[in-house]
N, C-alpha and C. Protein backbone atom coordinates (compact mmCIF):
# COMPACT_ATOMS: atom_id res chain seq x y z
N MET A 1 61.29 46.08 234.44
CA MET A 1 60.98 47.44 233.98
C MET A 1 61.99 47.90 232.95
N LYS A 2 63.26 47.73 233.31
CA LYS A 2 64.32 48.14 232.36
C LYS A 2 64.26 47.31 231.10
N LYS A 3 63.94 46.03 231.25
CA LYS A 3 63.89 45.15 230.08
C LYS A 3 62.78 45.56 229.13
N SER A 4 61.63 45.97 229.66
CA SER A 4 60.52 46.38 228.81
C SER A 4 60.82 47.68 228.08
N VAL A 5 61.54 48.59 228.74
CA VAL A 5 61.92 49.86 228.08
C VAL A 5 62.86 49.59 226.92
N LEU A 6 63.83 48.70 227.13
CA LEU A 6 64.77 48.38 226.06
C LEU A 6 64.07 47.72 224.88
N LEU A 7 63.10 46.85 225.17
CA LEU A 7 62.39 46.20 224.09
C LEU A 7 61.57 47.20 223.28
N ALA A 8 60.95 48.14 223.99
CA ALA A 8 60.15 49.16 223.30
C ALA A 8 61.04 50.03 222.40
N PHE A 9 62.21 50.37 222.91
CA PHE A 9 63.16 51.19 222.13
C PHE A 9 63.62 50.44 220.87
N PHE A 10 63.88 49.14 221.02
CA PHE A 10 64.34 48.32 219.90
C PHE A 10 63.28 48.23 218.81
N PHE A 11 62.03 47.94 219.23
CA PHE A 11 60.95 47.84 218.24
C PHE A 11 60.65 49.17 217.57
N GLY A 12 60.89 50.28 218.28
CA GLY A 12 60.70 51.60 217.68
C GLY A 12 61.71 51.86 216.57
N LEU A 13 62.95 51.47 216.81
CA LEU A 13 63.98 51.61 215.76
C LEU A 13 63.64 50.76 214.54
N MET A 14 63.12 49.58 214.78
CA MET A 14 62.75 48.70 213.67
C MET A 14 61.64 49.33 212.83
N ALA A 15 60.71 49.97 213.51
CA ALA A 15 59.60 50.60 212.78
C ALA A 15 60.09 51.77 211.94
N LEU A 16 61.01 52.54 212.48
CA LEU A 16 61.55 53.69 211.74
C LEU A 16 62.34 53.25 210.51
N GLY A 17 63.03 52.15 210.60
CA GLY A 17 63.88 51.70 209.49
C GLY A 17 63.17 50.84 208.47
N ALA A 18 61.89 50.57 208.68
CA ALA A 18 61.18 49.67 207.79
C ALA A 18 61.04 50.26 206.39
N GLY A 19 60.77 51.60 206.32
CA GLY A 19 60.58 52.24 205.00
C GLY A 19 61.82 52.15 204.13
N PRO A 20 62.96 52.66 204.57
CA PRO A 20 64.19 52.58 203.75
C PRO A 20 64.60 51.17 203.45
N LEU A 21 64.44 50.25 204.44
CA LEU A 21 64.85 48.86 204.20
C LEU A 21 63.98 48.23 203.12
N ALA A 22 62.69 48.54 203.17
CA ALA A 22 61.79 47.98 202.17
C ALA A 22 62.11 48.50 200.77
N ALA A 23 62.45 49.82 200.70
CA ALA A 23 62.79 50.40 199.39
C ALA A 23 64.06 49.79 198.84
N ALA A 24 65.05 49.57 199.72
CA ALA A 24 66.31 48.96 199.29
C ALA A 24 66.08 47.54 198.81
N ALA A 25 65.19 46.81 199.52
CA ALA A 25 64.90 45.44 199.13
C ALA A 25 64.23 45.39 197.76
N GLU A 26 63.33 46.37 197.51
CA GLU A 26 62.63 46.40 196.22
C GLU A 26 63.60 46.71 195.07
N THR A 27 64.53 47.65 195.30
CA THR A 27 65.53 48.00 194.28
C THR A 27 66.42 46.81 193.99
N ALA A 28 66.84 46.09 195.05
CA ALA A 28 67.70 44.92 194.87
C ALA A 28 66.99 43.85 194.08
N ALA A 29 65.69 43.73 194.31
CA ALA A 29 64.92 42.71 193.59
C ALA A 29 64.89 43.00 192.10
N LYS A 30 64.97 44.29 191.71
CA LYS A 30 64.99 44.66 190.29
C LYS A 30 66.35 44.46 189.65
N GLY A 31 67.35 44.15 190.48
CA GLY A 31 68.70 43.95 189.94
C GLY A 31 69.48 45.23 189.75
N VAL A 32 69.04 46.33 190.39
CA VAL A 32 69.71 47.62 190.27
C VAL A 32 70.12 48.07 191.64
N SER A 33 71.36 48.41 191.82
CA SER A 33 71.84 48.88 193.12
C SER A 33 71.35 50.30 193.35
N PRO A 34 71.13 50.71 194.58
CA PRO A 34 70.67 52.08 194.85
C PRO A 34 71.59 53.13 194.28
N ALA A 35 72.90 52.86 194.25
CA ALA A 35 73.86 53.86 193.77
C ALA A 35 73.73 54.09 192.27
N THR A 36 73.32 53.00 191.51
CA THR A 36 73.27 53.12 190.06
C THR A 36 71.84 53.26 189.53
N GLU A 37 70.89 53.42 190.43
CA GLU A 37 69.49 53.54 190.00
C GLU A 37 69.37 54.76 189.09
N ALA A 38 68.63 54.59 187.97
CA ALA A 38 68.52 55.65 186.97
C ALA A 38 67.88 56.89 187.56
N LYS A 39 68.47 58.06 187.20
CA LYS A 39 67.93 59.34 187.64
C LYS A 39 66.99 59.86 186.57
N PRO A 40 66.06 60.73 186.95
CA PRO A 40 65.13 61.28 185.95
C PRO A 40 65.91 61.97 184.83
N ALA A 41 65.49 61.73 183.57
CA ALA A 41 66.18 62.32 182.41
C ALA A 41 65.95 63.82 182.36
N THR A 42 67.01 64.54 182.01
CA THR A 42 66.91 66.00 181.88
C THR A 42 66.94 66.34 180.40
N SER A 43 66.18 67.34 180.00
CA SER A 43 66.13 67.73 178.59
C SER A 43 67.45 68.39 178.18
N PRO A 44 68.01 68.04 177.03
CA PRO A 44 69.29 68.63 176.59
C PRO A 44 69.13 70.12 176.30
N THR A 45 70.22 70.85 176.49
CA THR A 45 70.22 72.28 176.22
C THR A 45 70.15 72.52 174.71
N THR A 46 69.23 73.32 174.29
CA THR A 46 69.06 73.61 172.85
C THR A 46 70.08 74.63 172.40
N VAL A 47 70.91 74.24 171.41
CA VAL A 47 71.92 75.16 170.87
C VAL A 47 71.35 75.81 169.63
N PRO A 48 71.29 77.14 169.59
CA PRO A 48 70.72 77.79 168.40
C PRO A 48 71.56 77.53 167.16
N THR A 49 70.90 77.26 166.06
CA THR A 49 71.60 77.01 164.79
C THR A 49 72.12 78.33 164.23
N PRO A 50 73.44 78.42 164.00
CA PRO A 50 73.97 79.69 163.47
C PRO A 50 73.49 79.95 162.06
N LYS A 51 73.29 81.21 161.74
CA LYS A 51 72.86 81.57 160.39
C LYS A 51 74.04 81.43 159.44
N PRO A 52 73.76 81.10 158.18
CA PRO A 52 74.85 81.05 157.20
C PRO A 52 75.60 82.38 157.15
N LEU A 53 76.88 82.30 156.81
CA LEU A 53 77.75 83.47 156.86
C LEU A 53 77.26 84.60 155.97
N TYR A 54 76.65 84.26 154.84
CA TYR A 54 76.30 85.29 153.86
C TYR A 54 74.84 85.73 153.93
N VAL A 55 74.15 85.35 155.00
CA VAL A 55 72.75 85.75 155.16
C VAL A 55 72.67 86.96 156.09
N ASP A 56 71.79 87.88 155.76
CA ASP A 56 71.55 89.07 156.58
C ASP A 56 72.82 89.89 156.80
N TYR A 57 73.60 90.03 155.73
CA TYR A 57 74.80 90.88 155.84
C TYR A 57 74.39 92.33 156.10
N GLN A 58 75.02 92.93 157.08
CA GLN A 58 74.75 94.32 157.42
C GLN A 58 76.00 95.17 157.21
N PRO A 59 76.00 96.03 156.21
CA PRO A 59 77.18 96.88 155.98
C PRO A 59 77.29 97.94 157.07
N PRO A 60 78.48 98.50 157.24
CA PRO A 60 78.62 99.59 158.21
C PRO A 60 77.77 100.80 157.79
N ASP A 61 77.48 101.66 158.74
CA ASP A 61 76.61 102.80 158.45
C ASP A 61 77.13 103.67 157.32
N TRP A 62 78.46 103.83 157.24
CA TRP A 62 79.02 104.72 156.22
C TRP A 62 79.00 104.08 154.82
N ALA A 63 78.60 102.81 154.74
CA ALA A 63 78.60 102.11 153.44
C ALA A 63 77.20 101.74 152.97
N LYS A 64 76.18 102.41 153.49
CA LYS A 64 74.81 102.05 153.14
C LYS A 64 74.26 102.83 151.94
N ASP A 65 75.09 103.68 151.34
CA ASP A 65 74.62 104.49 150.22
C ASP A 65 74.72 103.77 148.88
N TRP A 66 75.36 102.61 148.83
CA TRP A 66 75.48 101.88 147.57
C TRP A 66 74.93 100.46 147.73
N GLU A 67 74.72 99.82 146.62
CA GLU A 67 74.11 98.48 146.58
C GLU A 67 75.06 97.42 147.13
N HIS A 68 74.49 96.41 147.78
CA HIS A 68 75.25 95.24 148.26
C HIS A 68 74.59 94.00 147.65
N VAL A 69 75.37 93.22 146.94
CA VAL A 69 74.80 92.12 146.17
C VAL A 69 75.25 90.76 146.69
N THR A 70 74.36 89.79 146.56
CA THR A 70 74.64 88.41 146.94
C THR A 70 75.44 87.73 145.83
N PHE A 71 75.82 86.49 146.10
CA PHE A 71 76.56 85.74 145.09
C PHE A 71 75.73 85.56 143.82
N GLU A 72 74.45 85.24 144.00
CA GLU A 72 73.59 84.99 142.83
C GLU A 72 73.51 86.23 141.94
N LYS A 73 73.39 87.39 142.56
CA LYS A 73 73.30 88.60 141.76
C LYS A 73 74.66 88.94 141.14
N ALA A 74 75.74 88.71 141.91
CA ALA A 74 77.08 88.96 141.35
C ALA A 74 77.33 88.05 140.15
N LYS A 75 76.85 86.82 140.25
CA LYS A 75 77.00 85.87 139.14
C LYS A 75 76.27 86.37 137.90
N LYS A 76 75.06 86.92 138.09
CA LYS A 76 74.30 87.47 136.96
C LYS A 76 75.00 88.70 136.39
N TYR A 77 75.50 89.55 137.28
CA TYR A 77 76.23 90.74 136.82
C TYR A 77 77.44 90.34 135.97
N HIS A 78 78.08 89.25 136.35
CA HIS A 78 79.29 88.84 135.65
C HIS A 78 79.01 88.42 134.21
N THR A 79 77.78 88.07 133.93
CA THR A 79 77.43 87.68 132.56
C THR A 79 77.14 88.90 131.68
N LYS A 80 76.97 90.06 132.30
CA LYS A 80 76.69 91.27 131.54
C LYS A 80 77.98 91.84 130.96
N ARG A 81 77.88 92.32 129.75
CA ARG A 81 79.08 92.74 129.03
C ARG A 81 79.73 93.99 129.62
N ASN A 82 78.92 94.96 130.05
CA ASN A 82 79.49 96.25 130.44
C ASN A 82 79.46 96.48 131.95
N ILE A 83 79.57 95.41 132.72
CA ILE A 83 79.69 95.53 134.18
C ILE A 83 81.11 95.14 134.56
N LEU A 84 81.79 96.02 135.28
CA LEU A 84 83.21 95.84 135.58
C LEU A 84 83.40 95.50 137.05
N PHE A 85 84.06 94.38 137.31
CA PHE A 85 84.40 93.99 138.68
C PHE A 85 85.75 94.61 139.04
N CYS A 86 85.85 95.08 140.29
CA CYS A 86 87.06 95.73 140.78
C CYS A 86 87.55 94.99 142.01
N ASP A 87 88.76 94.44 141.93
CA ASP A 87 89.35 93.65 143.01
C ASP A 87 90.08 94.58 143.98
N ALA A 88 89.57 94.68 145.21
CA ALA A 88 90.15 95.59 146.19
C ALA A 88 91.26 94.95 147.03
N ARG A 89 91.60 93.71 146.74
CA ARG A 89 92.69 93.05 147.48
C ARG A 89 94.05 93.56 146.99
N ALA A 90 95.11 93.08 147.60
CA ALA A 90 96.45 93.47 147.18
C ALA A 90 96.70 93.01 145.75
N LYS A 91 97.55 93.75 145.05
CA LYS A 91 97.83 93.42 143.64
C LYS A 91 98.40 92.01 143.50
N SER A 92 99.24 91.60 144.44
CA SER A 92 99.82 90.25 144.37
C SER A 92 98.74 89.18 144.46
N GLU A 93 97.70 89.42 145.28
CA GLU A 93 96.59 88.48 145.40
C GLU A 93 95.78 88.46 144.10
N TYR A 94 95.60 89.63 143.53
CA TYR A 94 94.90 89.74 142.24
C TYR A 94 95.63 88.93 141.18
N ASP A 95 96.96 89.06 141.12
CA ASP A 95 97.74 88.34 140.12
C ASP A 95 97.66 86.83 140.31
N ASP A 96 97.53 86.38 141.57
CA ASP A 96 97.44 84.94 141.85
C ASP A 96 96.10 84.36 141.41
N GLY A 97 95.09 85.18 141.31
CA GLY A 97 93.78 84.71 140.88
C GLY A 97 92.70 85.72 141.20
N HIS A 98 91.80 85.97 140.24
CA HIS A 98 90.72 86.93 140.45
C HIS A 98 89.53 86.57 139.59
N ILE A 99 88.42 87.26 139.81
CA ILE A 99 87.23 87.06 138.99
C ILE A 99 87.56 87.48 137.56
N PRO A 100 87.31 86.64 136.57
CA PRO A 100 87.67 86.98 135.20
C PRO A 100 87.11 88.34 134.76
N GLY A 101 87.98 89.13 134.14
CA GLY A 101 87.57 90.44 133.66
C GLY A 101 87.72 91.56 134.67
N ALA A 102 88.00 91.21 135.93
CA ALA A 102 88.14 92.24 136.97
C ALA A 102 89.44 93.03 136.78
N ILE A 103 89.41 94.27 137.25
CA ILE A 103 90.64 95.08 137.25
C ILE A 103 91.16 95.16 138.68
N PRO A 104 92.44 95.36 138.87
CA PRO A 104 92.95 95.55 140.23
C PRO A 104 92.65 96.97 140.72
N LEU A 105 92.13 97.07 141.93
CA LEU A 105 91.90 98.38 142.55
C LEU A 105 92.20 98.26 144.04
N PRO A 106 93.49 97.98 144.37
CA PRO A 106 93.85 97.80 145.78
C PRO A 106 93.50 99.04 146.60
N ALA A 107 92.90 98.83 147.75
CA ALA A 107 92.44 99.95 148.57
C ALA A 107 93.57 100.90 148.93
N GLY A 108 94.77 100.37 149.14
CA GLY A 108 95.89 101.23 149.52
C GLY A 108 96.54 101.96 148.36
N GLU A 109 96.22 101.54 147.12
CA GLU A 109 96.82 102.17 145.93
C GLU A 109 95.74 102.53 144.91
N ALA A 110 94.58 102.91 145.42
CA ALA A 110 93.43 103.14 144.54
C ALA A 110 93.70 104.23 143.51
N ASP A 111 94.34 105.31 143.92
CA ASP A 111 94.60 106.41 142.98
C ASP A 111 95.47 105.96 141.81
N LYS A 112 96.49 105.20 142.12
CA LYS A 112 97.42 104.72 141.09
C LYS A 112 96.70 103.86 140.05
N TYR A 113 95.92 102.89 140.53
CA TYR A 113 95.26 101.97 139.59
C TYR A 113 94.03 102.59 138.95
N TYR A 114 93.41 103.53 139.62
CA TYR A 114 92.30 104.25 138.99
C TYR A 114 92.80 105.00 137.76
N ALA A 115 93.96 105.65 137.88
CA ALA A 115 94.53 106.38 136.75
C ALA A 115 94.87 105.44 135.60
N MET A 116 95.33 104.22 135.93
CA MET A 116 95.70 103.26 134.90
C MET A 116 94.47 102.75 134.13
N TYR A 117 93.34 102.60 134.83
CA TYR A 117 92.15 102.00 134.21
C TYR A 117 90.97 102.98 134.14
N GLU A 118 91.27 104.27 134.18
CA GLU A 118 90.21 105.28 134.24
C GLU A 118 89.24 105.18 133.07
N LYS A 119 89.75 105.03 131.86
CA LYS A 119 88.88 104.96 130.69
C LYS A 119 87.93 103.77 130.78
N LYS A 120 88.46 102.64 131.20
CA LYS A 120 87.63 101.42 131.32
C LYS A 120 86.59 101.60 132.42
N ILE A 121 86.98 102.22 133.51
CA ILE A 121 86.06 102.44 134.63
C ILE A 121 84.91 103.36 134.20
N LYS A 122 85.25 104.41 133.48
CA LYS A 122 84.22 105.38 133.08
C LYS A 122 83.28 104.83 132.01
N ARG A 123 83.71 103.84 131.27
CA ARG A 123 82.85 103.24 130.24
C ARG A 123 81.87 102.22 130.82
N ALA A 124 82.13 101.75 132.03
CA ALA A 124 81.31 100.68 132.62
C ALA A 124 79.93 101.20 133.04
N ASP A 125 78.91 100.35 132.85
CA ASP A 125 77.56 100.68 133.30
C ASP A 125 77.42 100.52 134.81
N LYS A 126 78.19 99.60 135.36
CA LYS A 126 78.17 99.37 136.82
C LYS A 126 79.54 98.87 137.26
N LEU A 127 79.94 99.29 138.46
CA LEU A 127 81.22 98.89 139.04
C LEU A 127 80.93 98.05 140.28
N VAL A 128 81.44 96.82 140.31
CA VAL A 128 81.21 95.91 141.43
C VAL A 128 82.54 95.62 142.11
N THR A 129 82.68 96.06 143.34
CA THR A 129 83.91 95.81 144.08
C THR A 129 83.78 94.54 144.92
N TYR A 130 84.91 93.90 145.19
CA TYR A 130 84.91 92.71 146.06
C TYR A 130 86.29 92.59 146.72
N CYS A 131 86.35 91.79 147.79
CA CYS A 131 87.63 91.60 148.49
C CYS A 131 87.65 90.21 149.13
N HIS A 132 88.02 90.13 150.41
CA HIS A 132 88.15 88.85 151.10
C HIS A 132 86.84 88.36 151.71
N GLY A 133 85.73 89.01 151.40
CA GLY A 133 84.45 88.53 151.87
C GLY A 133 83.98 89.20 153.15
N VAL A 134 82.97 88.58 153.79
CA VAL A 134 82.35 89.13 154.99
C VAL A 134 83.41 89.33 156.08
N GLY A 135 83.39 90.52 156.67
CA GLY A 135 84.37 90.84 157.71
C GLY A 135 85.51 91.68 157.18
N CYS A 136 85.70 91.69 155.86
CA CYS A 136 86.75 92.51 155.23
C CYS A 136 86.08 93.77 154.70
N ARG A 137 86.67 94.90 154.96
CA ARG A 137 86.07 96.18 154.55
C ARG A 137 86.75 96.78 153.31
N LEU A 138 87.68 96.07 152.69
CA LEU A 138 88.40 96.64 151.55
C LEU A 138 87.47 96.96 150.39
N SER A 139 86.49 96.08 150.14
CA SER A 139 85.56 96.33 149.04
C SER A 139 84.69 97.55 149.33
N GLU A 140 84.33 97.74 150.61
CA GLU A 140 83.55 98.92 150.99
C GLU A 140 84.38 100.20 150.79
N LYS A 141 85.66 100.11 151.15
CA LYS A 141 86.54 101.28 150.98
C LYS A 141 86.74 101.60 149.50
N ALA A 142 86.86 100.57 148.68
CA ALA A 142 87.02 100.78 147.24
C ALA A 142 85.75 101.40 146.66
N ALA A 143 84.59 100.94 147.13
CA ALA A 143 83.31 101.51 146.67
C ALA A 143 83.22 102.98 147.09
N LYS A 144 83.61 103.28 148.30
CA LYS A 144 83.59 104.66 148.79
C LYS A 144 84.51 105.54 147.94
N PHE A 145 85.67 105.00 147.60
CA PHE A 145 86.62 105.73 146.74
C PHE A 145 85.99 106.05 145.39
N LEU A 146 85.31 105.08 144.79
CA LEU A 146 84.69 105.28 143.48
C LEU A 146 83.54 106.28 143.55
N VAL A 147 82.77 106.22 144.63
CA VAL A 147 81.67 107.17 144.80
C VAL A 147 82.22 108.58 144.94
N GLU A 148 83.32 108.72 145.68
CA GLU A 148 83.94 110.03 145.84
C GLU A 148 84.54 110.55 144.54
N LYS A 149 84.82 109.63 143.61
CA LYS A 149 85.30 110.03 142.28
C LYS A 149 84.14 110.44 141.36
N GLY A 150 82.93 110.35 141.87
CA GLY A 150 81.78 110.77 141.10
C GLY A 150 80.96 109.66 140.49
N HIS A 151 81.29 108.40 140.76
CA HIS A 151 80.55 107.27 140.19
C HIS A 151 79.37 106.91 141.10
N LYS A 152 78.20 106.83 140.52
CA LYS A 152 77.00 106.50 141.28
C LYS A 152 76.55 105.05 141.04
N ASN A 153 77.14 104.42 140.04
CA ASN A 153 76.74 103.05 139.65
C ASN A 153 77.64 102.01 140.32
N VAL A 154 77.71 102.08 141.66
CA VAL A 154 78.65 101.24 142.42
C VAL A 154 77.88 100.21 143.25
N ALA A 155 78.45 99.00 143.32
CA ALA A 155 77.89 97.94 144.16
C ALA A 155 79.03 97.17 144.81
N VAL A 156 78.72 96.49 145.91
CA VAL A 156 79.70 95.65 146.61
C VAL A 156 79.20 94.22 146.63
N PHE A 157 80.03 93.31 146.15
CA PHE A 157 79.76 91.87 146.25
C PHE A 157 80.37 91.43 147.58
N PHE A 158 79.52 91.37 148.63
CA PHE A 158 80.05 91.19 149.99
C PHE A 158 80.57 89.78 150.26
N GLY A 159 80.14 88.78 149.47
CA GLY A 159 80.69 87.42 149.65
C GLY A 159 82.12 87.34 149.16
N GLY A 160 82.44 88.18 148.18
CA GLY A 160 83.81 88.34 147.70
C GLY A 160 84.47 87.09 147.14
N TRP A 161 85.78 87.14 147.12
CA TRP A 161 86.59 86.07 146.56
C TRP A 161 86.35 84.71 147.22
N PRO A 162 86.22 84.63 148.58
CA PRO A 162 85.98 83.32 149.19
C PRO A 162 84.70 82.65 148.68
N GLN A 163 83.61 83.39 148.57
CA GLN A 163 82.36 82.79 148.10
C GLN A 163 82.43 82.44 146.62
N TRP A 164 83.14 83.25 145.85
CA TRP A 164 83.34 82.94 144.43
C TRP A 164 84.06 81.59 144.29
N MET A 165 85.06 81.37 145.12
CA MET A 165 85.82 80.12 145.07
C MET A 165 85.00 78.95 145.61
N GLU A 166 84.18 79.18 146.63
CA GLU A 166 83.34 78.12 147.18
C GLU A 166 82.42 77.52 146.12
N HIS A 167 81.98 78.35 145.21
CA HIS A 167 81.07 77.89 144.15
C HIS A 167 81.83 77.42 142.91
N LYS A 168 83.17 77.34 143.03
CA LYS A 168 84.01 76.82 141.94
C LYS A 168 83.78 77.57 140.63
N MET A 169 83.74 78.87 140.73
CA MET A 169 83.54 79.72 139.56
C MET A 169 84.86 79.90 138.81
N PRO A 170 84.78 80.37 137.55
CA PRO A 170 86.02 80.56 136.76
C PRO A 170 86.98 81.55 137.43
N VAL A 171 88.25 81.32 137.19
CA VAL A 171 89.32 82.15 137.78
C VAL A 171 90.27 82.58 136.66
N GLU A 172 90.75 83.79 136.80
CA GLU A 172 91.73 84.32 135.85
C GLU A 172 92.97 84.74 136.62
N LYS A 173 94.14 84.53 136.03
CA LYS A 173 95.40 84.90 136.68
C LYS A 173 96.15 85.95 135.87
N GLY A 174 97.02 86.68 136.57
CA GLY A 174 97.76 87.74 135.90
C GLY A 174 96.89 88.95 135.67
N ASP A 175 97.40 89.92 134.92
CA ASP A 175 96.67 91.15 134.63
C ASP A 175 96.44 91.25 133.13
N PRO A 176 95.24 90.89 132.65
CA PRO A 176 95.00 90.90 131.20
C PRO A 176 95.00 92.29 130.58
N TYR A 177 94.89 93.33 131.43
CA TYR A 177 94.83 94.69 130.91
C TYR A 177 96.18 95.41 130.96
N ALA A 178 97.16 94.79 131.57
CA ALA A 178 98.46 95.44 131.68
C ALA A 178 99.07 95.60 130.29
N PRO A 179 99.69 96.75 130.03
CA PRO A 179 100.30 96.96 128.70
C PRO A 179 101.38 95.93 128.43
N LYS A 180 101.37 95.41 127.24
CA LYS A 180 102.37 94.42 126.86
C LYS A 180 103.69 95.12 126.56
N VAL A 181 104.72 94.68 127.24
CA VAL A 181 106.06 95.25 127.04
C VAL A 181 106.79 94.43 126.00
N LYS A 182 107.17 95.10 124.91
CA LYS A 182 107.90 94.40 123.86
C LYS A 182 109.35 94.20 124.28
N PRO A 183 109.88 93.02 124.07
CA PRO A 183 111.29 92.80 124.44
C PRO A 183 112.22 93.67 123.60
N THR A 184 113.25 94.20 124.23
CA THR A 184 114.24 95.04 123.54
C THR A 184 115.16 94.16 122.72
N ARG A 185 115.27 94.49 121.44
CA ARG A 185 116.13 93.69 120.55
C ARG A 185 117.51 94.34 120.48
N VAL A 186 118.50 93.56 120.83
CA VAL A 186 119.89 94.03 120.77
C VAL A 186 120.48 93.58 119.45
N PRO A 187 120.91 94.53 118.60
CA PRO A 187 121.47 94.13 117.30
C PRO A 187 122.71 93.27 117.45
N THR A 188 122.79 92.27 116.62
CA THR A 188 123.96 91.38 116.65
C THR A 188 125.09 92.04 115.85
N PRO A 189 126.26 92.21 116.47
CA PRO A 189 127.35 92.86 115.74
C PRO A 189 127.78 92.03 114.52
N ALA A 190 128.12 92.76 113.43
CA ALA A 190 128.55 92.07 112.20
C ALA A 190 129.91 91.43 112.41
N PRO A 191 130.12 90.26 111.89
CA PRO A 191 131.43 89.60 112.06
C PRO A 191 132.53 90.35 111.32
N SER A 192 133.70 90.37 111.89
CA SER A 192 134.85 91.04 111.25
C SER A 192 135.25 90.26 110.00
N PRO A 193 135.58 90.99 108.92
CA PRO A 193 135.98 90.29 107.68
C PRO A 193 137.29 89.53 107.87
N ALA A 194 137.38 88.38 107.23
CA ALA A 194 138.62 87.58 107.31
C ALA A 194 139.74 88.32 106.57
N PRO A 195 140.95 88.32 107.12
CA PRO A 195 142.09 89.01 106.46
C PRO A 195 142.43 88.36 105.12
N THR A 196 142.76 89.21 104.14
CA THR A 196 143.13 88.71 102.80
C THR A 196 144.58 88.26 102.80
N ALA A 197 144.97 87.56 101.72
CA ALA A 197 146.36 87.08 101.61
C ALA A 197 147.34 88.24 101.53
N ASP A 198 146.94 89.33 100.83
CA ASP A 198 147.83 90.49 100.72
C ASP A 198 148.03 91.16 102.07
N ALA A 199 146.93 91.22 102.88
CA ALA A 199 147.04 91.86 104.19
C ALA A 199 147.95 91.08 105.11
N VAL A 200 147.96 89.76 104.97
CA VAL A 200 148.85 88.92 105.79
C VAL A 200 150.28 89.04 105.31
N ALA A 201 150.48 89.11 103.98
CA ALA A 201 151.83 89.15 103.42
C ALA A 201 152.51 90.48 103.68
N LYS A 202 151.75 91.57 103.72
CA LYS A 202 152.36 92.90 103.89
C LYS A 202 153.08 93.07 105.21
N PRO A 203 152.52 92.70 106.38
CA PRO A 203 153.28 92.84 107.64
C PRO A 203 154.53 91.99 107.62
N ALA A 204 154.45 90.82 106.95
CA ALA A 204 155.66 89.98 106.88
C ALA A 204 156.74 90.63 106.07
N ALA A 205 156.36 91.33 104.98
CA ALA A 205 157.35 92.01 104.15
C ALA A 205 157.94 93.19 104.89
N ASP A 206 157.14 93.88 105.71
CA ASP A 206 157.64 95.04 106.46
C ASP A 206 158.71 94.63 107.46
N LYS A 207 158.59 93.44 108.01
CA LYS A 207 159.58 92.99 108.98
C LYS A 207 160.93 92.72 108.32
N LYS A 208 160.96 92.44 106.99
CA LYS A 208 162.20 92.20 106.31
C LYS A 208 162.91 93.56 106.13
């Protein structure tokens, strides 16, 4: 009786283990271990492609009253004779290199440089400000300054100096409009006349 119960229990365990054992045997026959058997492939996460830096530029709300131009339009403007570019970066940066023909109009010293170039500014058909490009607000501040001075023909080249350089456009250095300072000439003193023979002989005679 006990022997038959044990045999029944043994054969029951064999029946339960037949499925996993058969699957393991089939995997082994393919030459792949159960641990390394390939898992179902998962689709890769789609990373959105970032938009180019100069596409869909949105100016701040306080700067929407004037035109904002792309590089292509700024390039066309630069070919026009009476359109004046205004560099809103620091004067030292302007001196190191700027868009040819531009005047310096640093945002922190706008009044000073406006007074220096007022005649040129007022003669221009359009004023185009620029600075360090997208993310920099100096060109917007310079445009606001010009609008507050009464100029309505104002635009901002929002790609600014970085985009100008990316396209390997012409560069100008120094300040072509700065007044030329003439060097001060110091007169050369006239040489003292050589003493005559009489002048030399007279002191000698006085000593006698």
